[in-house]
Amino acid sequence: MTQQILDTPLQADVIDGGVVITGPNGFQSTMTLDAAKATVARLQAVLGAVGEPETYQKPLG
């Protein structure tokens, strides 16, 4: 199975006490608040591990 890499941020809303996440191409997920908080923590951990790409700075002089 090929995974499509999305370049559009997902939308999140609270509906009937659950967190509903929607996105392009019909992406949709609904989870409890606890599951959403755990997901955010996992995303932050992954993003922290990846880090920011280094920016090239032309040497002065």
C-alpha atoms as a PDB file:
ATOM      1  CA  MET A   1       0.000   0.000   0.000  1.00  0.00           C
ATOM      2  CA  THR A   2       1.371   3.395  -0.995  1.00  0.00           C
ATOM      3  CA  GLN A   3       0.903   6.211   1.480  1.00  0.00           C
ATOM      4  CA  GLN A   4       0.139   9.689   0.220  1.00  0.00           C
ATOM      5  CA  ILE A   5       2.090  12.451   1.947  1.00  0.00           C
ATOM      6  CA  LEU A   6      -0.237  15.347   2.685  1.00  0.00           C
ATOM      7  CA  ASP A   7       0.941  18.947   2.550  1.00  0.00           C
ATOM      8  CA  THR A   8      -2.287  20.360   3.968  1.00  0.00           C
ATOM      9  CA  PRO A   9      -2.701  20.634   7.757  1.00  0.00           C
ATOM     10  CA  LEU A  10      -5.538  18.643   9.275  1.00  0.00           C
ATOM     11  CA  GLN A  11      -8.558  20.336  10.857  1.00  0.00           C
ATOM     12  CA  ALA A  12      -9.540  19.430  14.424  1.00  0.00           C
ATOM     13  CA  ASP A  13     -12.825  20.168  16.187  1.00  0.00           C
ATOM     14  CA  VAL A  14     -14.598  18.983  19.330  1.00  0.00           C
ATOM     15  CA  ILE A  15     -18.001  17.517  18.521  1.00  0.00           C
ATOM     16  CA  ASP A  16     -20.171  15.738  21.099  1.00  0.00           C
ATOM     17  CA  GLY A  17     -17.205  15.395  23.464  1.00  0.00           C
ATOM     18  CA  GLY A  18     -14.936  13.721  20.902  1.00  0.00           C
ATOM     19  CA  VAL A  19     -12.110  15.170  18.834  1.00  0.00           C
ATOM     20  CA  VAL A  20     -12.906  14.974  15.125  1.00  0.00           C
ATOM     21  CA  ILE A  21      -9.959  15.327  12.758  1.00  0.00           C
ATOM     22  CA  THR A  22     -10.616  15.874   9.063  1.00  0.00           C
ATOM     23  CA  GLY A  23      -8.425  16.517   6.092  1.00  0.00           C
ATOM     24  CA  PRO A  24      -8.074  16.255   2.339  1.00  0.00           C
ATOM     25  CA  ASN A  25      -9.161  13.241   0.283  1.00  0.00           C
ATOM     26  CA  GLY A  26     -11.859  12.290   2.793  1.00  0.00           C
ATOM     27  CA  PHE A  27      -9.472  11.785   5.725  1.00  0.00           C
ATOM     28  CA  GLN A  28     -11.452  11.578   8.969  1.00  0.00           C
ATOM     29  CA  SER A  29     -10.849  10.258  12.467  1.00  0.00           C
ATOM     30  CA  THR A  30     -12.742  10.624  15.726  1.00  0.00           C
ATOM     31  CA  MET A  31     -11.116   9.970  19.112  1.00  0.00           C
ATOM     32  CA  THR A  32     -11.565  10.624  22.793  1.00  0.00           C
ATOM     33  CA  LEU A  33      -9.901  13.624  24.416  1.00  0.00           C
ATOM     34  CA  ASP A  34      -7.362  11.316  26.106  1.00  0.00           C
ATOM     35  CA  ALA A  35      -6.513   9.632  22.800  1.00  0.00           C
ATOM     36  CA  ALA A  36      -6.161  13.038  21.115  1.00  0.00           C
ATOM     37  CA  LYS A  37      -3.788  14.252  23.875  1.00  0.00           C
ATOM     38  CA  ALA A  38      -1.681  11.092  23.502  1.00  0.00           C
ATOM     39  CA  THR A  39      -1.609  11.592  19.731  1.00  0.00           C
ATOM     40  CA  VAL A  40      -0.415  15.183  20.141  1.00  0.00           C
ATOM     41  CA  ALA A  41       2.362  14.009  22.480  1.00  0.00           C
ATOM     42  CA  ARG A  42       3.464  11.388  19.925  1.00  0.00           C
ATOM     43  CA  LEU A  43       3.452  13.945  17.107  1.00  0.00           C
ATOM     44  CA  GLN A  44       5.519  16.350  19.202  1.00  0.00           C
ATOM     45  CA  ALA A  45       8.012  13.581  19.988  1.00  0.00           C
ATOM     46  CA  VAL A  46       8.363  12.682  16.306  1.00  0.00           C
ATOM     47  CA  LEU A  47       8.760  16.314  15.282  1.00  0.00           C
ATOM     48  CA  GLY A  48      11.340  16.867  18.020  1.00  0.00           C
ATOM     49  CA  ALA A  49      13.328  13.860  16.780  1.00  0.00           C
ATOM     50  CA  VAL A  50      13.252  15.136  13.197  1.00  0.00           C
ATOM     51  CA  GLY A  51      14.320  18.658  14.158  1.00  0.00           C
ATOM     52  CA  GLU A  52      14.399  21.680  11.942  1.00  0.00           C
ATOM     53  CA  PRO A  53      16.421  21.557   8.723  1.00  0.00           C
ATOM     54  CA  GLU A  54      19.586  23.580   8.953  1.00  0.00           C
ATOM     55  CA  THR A  55      19.558  26.821   7.015  1.00  0.00           C
ATOM     56  CA  TYR A  56      22.619  27.538   4.906  1.00  0.00           C
ATOM     57  CA  GLN A  57      24.190  30.874   5.735  1.00  0.00           C
ATOM     58  CA  LYS A  58      26.688  32.313   3.302  1.00  0.00           C
ATOM     59  CA  PRO A  59      29.979  33.078   5.078  1.00  0.00           C
ATOM     60  CA  LEU A  60      30.661  36.774   5.589  1.00  0.00           C
ATOM     61  CA  GLY A  61      33.636  38.315   3.804  1.00  0.00           C
END
